[in-house]
Amino acid sequence: MELTMMMYIIPAMIMFGCGVYGFITRRNMIAILISLELMLNAVDINFAVFNRFLFPGQMEGMFFSLFAIGLAAAETALAIAIVINVYRAVRNVDIRQLTKMKF
């Protein structure tokens, strides 16, 4: 790989690693959602970088990035709606408190 490609891949790897760490260690649903979005943004960067350097004349990576951004927006809207409903029921967004809910 070229040095210029590594300049994009390394920050994306760091972003993805921070997202995985936050997803595993956090107990707050909002923080987990932010960590998930961080991982999705790192994947979007990789789509764009690999498209730019491996297939410079094509746009598939850019279209995949736009599609992933649209999915992330829909996922965020749905997750925020779930978090709001959980907060109304439990008055807390800690994932340990969800075991007390009756389904």
Protein backbone atom coordinates (compact mmCIF):
# COMPACT_ATOMS: atom_id res chain seq x y z
CA MET A 1 0.00 0.00 0.00
CA GLU A 2 1.06 3.51 -0.61
CA LEU A 3 1.94 5.91 2.15
CA THR A 4 -0.97 8.16 1.21
CA MET A 5 -3.41 5.28 1.54
CA MET A 6 -2.05 4.46 4.98
CA MET A 7 -2.66 8.06 6.04
CA TYR A 8 -6.39 7.33 5.70
CA ILE A 9 -6.47 3.72 6.84
CA ILE A 10 -4.67 4.23 10.16
CA PRO A 11 -7.10 6.89 11.50
CA ALA A 12 -10.01 4.72 10.33
CA MET A 13 -8.54 1.77 12.24
CA ILE A 14 -8.13 3.93 15.34
CA MET A 15 -11.73 5.15 15.00
CA PHE A 16 -13.01 1.61 14.62
CA GLY A 17 -10.98 0.43 17.62
CA CYS A 18 -12.29 3.27 19.78
CA GLY A 19 -15.82 2.40 18.68
CA VAL A 20 -15.41 -1.26 19.59
CA TYR A 21 -13.91 -0.34 22.96
CA GLY A 22 -16.75 2.07 23.70
CA PHE A 23 -19.38 -0.44 22.58
CA ILE A 24 -18.00 -3.13 24.87
CA THR A 25 -17.26 -1.04 27.96
CA ARG A 26 -20.09 1.49 28.15
CA ARG A 27 -23.30 0.92 30.11
CA ASN A 28 -25.23 3.94 28.83
CA MET A 29 -27.35 3.28 25.74
CA ILE A 30 -26.56 6.69 24.25
CA ALA A 31 -22.80 6.08 24.60
CA ILE A 32 -23.22 2.66 22.98
CA LEU A 33 -25.08 4.28 20.09
CA ILE A 34 -22.32 6.86 19.65
CA SER A 35 -19.71 4.08 19.62
CA LEU A 36 -21.68 2.23 16.96
CA GLU A 37 -21.83 5.36 14.83
CA LEU A 38 -18.06 5.78 15.22
CA MET A 39 -17.54 2.26 13.86
CA LEU A 40 -19.86 2.92 10.93
CA ASN A 41 -18.01 6.14 10.06
CA ALA A 42 -14.70 4.26 10.07
CA VAL A 43 -16.16 1.76 7.62
CA ASP A 44 -17.40 4.62 5.41
CA ILE A 45 -13.88 6.06 5.33
CA ASN A 46 -12.53 2.68 4.26
CA PHE A 47 -15.13 2.41 1.47
CA ALA A 48 -14.11 5.78 0.08
CA VAL A 49 -10.35 5.17 0.43
CA PHE A 50 -10.35 1.75 -1.18
CA ASN A 51 -12.52 3.04 -4.00
CA ARG A 52 -10.20 5.99 -4.58
CA PHE A 53 -6.95 4.02 -4.58
CA LEU A 54 -7.96 0.64 -6.03
CA PHE A 55 -10.58 1.71 -8.59
CA PRO A 56 -9.99 5.42 -9.25
CA GLY A 57 -12.34 5.71 -12.22
CA GLN A 58 -15.35 4.06 -10.58
CA MET A 59 -17.80 5.22 -7.94
CA GLU A 60 -18.94 2.02 -6.21
CA GLY A 61 -17.18 2.82 -2.93
CA MET A 62 -18.75 6.26 -2.83
CA PHE A 63 -22.21 4.79 -3.43
CA PHE A 64 -21.65 2.22 -0.69
CA SER A 65 -20.61 5.04 1.63
CA LEU A 66 -23.76 7.03 0.83
CA PHE A 67 -25.90 3.93 1.34
CA ALA A 68 -24.19 3.24 4.68
CA ILE A 69 -24.73 6.85 5.78
CA GLY A 70 -28.45 6.52 4.95
CA LEU A 71 -28.66 3.26 6.90
CA ALA A 72 -26.84 4.86 9.83
CA ALA A 73 -29.32 7.74 9.88
CA ALA A 74 -32.27 5.34 9.90
CA GLU A 75 -30.64 3.19 12.57
CA THR A 76 -29.97 6.24 14.73
CA ALA A 77 -33.56 7.44 14.47
CA LEU A 78 -34.87 4.03 15.45
CA ALA A 79 -32.37 3.63 18.29
CA ILE A 80 -33.19 7.06 19.72
CA ALA A 81 -36.90 6.18 19.65
CA ILE A 82 -36.16 2.96 21.55
CA VAL A 83 -33.98 4.81 24.07
CA ILE A 84 -36.74 7.37 24.68
CA ASN A 85 -39.31 4.62 25.27
CA VAL A 86 -36.96 2.79 27.63
CA TYR A 87 -36.31 6.02 29.52
CA ARG A 88 -40.04 6.60 29.90
CA ALA A 89 -40.50 3.10 31.31
CA VAL A 90 -37.46 2.83 33.59
CA ARG A 91 -36.36 6.47 34.06
CA ASN A 92 -32.80 5.39 33.30
CA VAL A 93 -30.78 4.52 30.19
CA ASP A 94 -28.35 2.17 31.93
CA ILE A 95 -28.39 -1.24 30.23
CA ARG A 96 -28.17 -3.03 33.58
CA GLN A 97 -31.58 -1.63 34.49
CA LEU A 98 -33.23 -3.19 31.43
CA THR A 99 -33.37 -6.60 33.11
CA LYS A 100 -35.92 -5.16 35.56
CA MET A 101 -38.39 -4.37 32.80
CA LYS A 102 -41.34 -6.68 32.27
CA PHE A 103 -42.01 -7.63 28.69
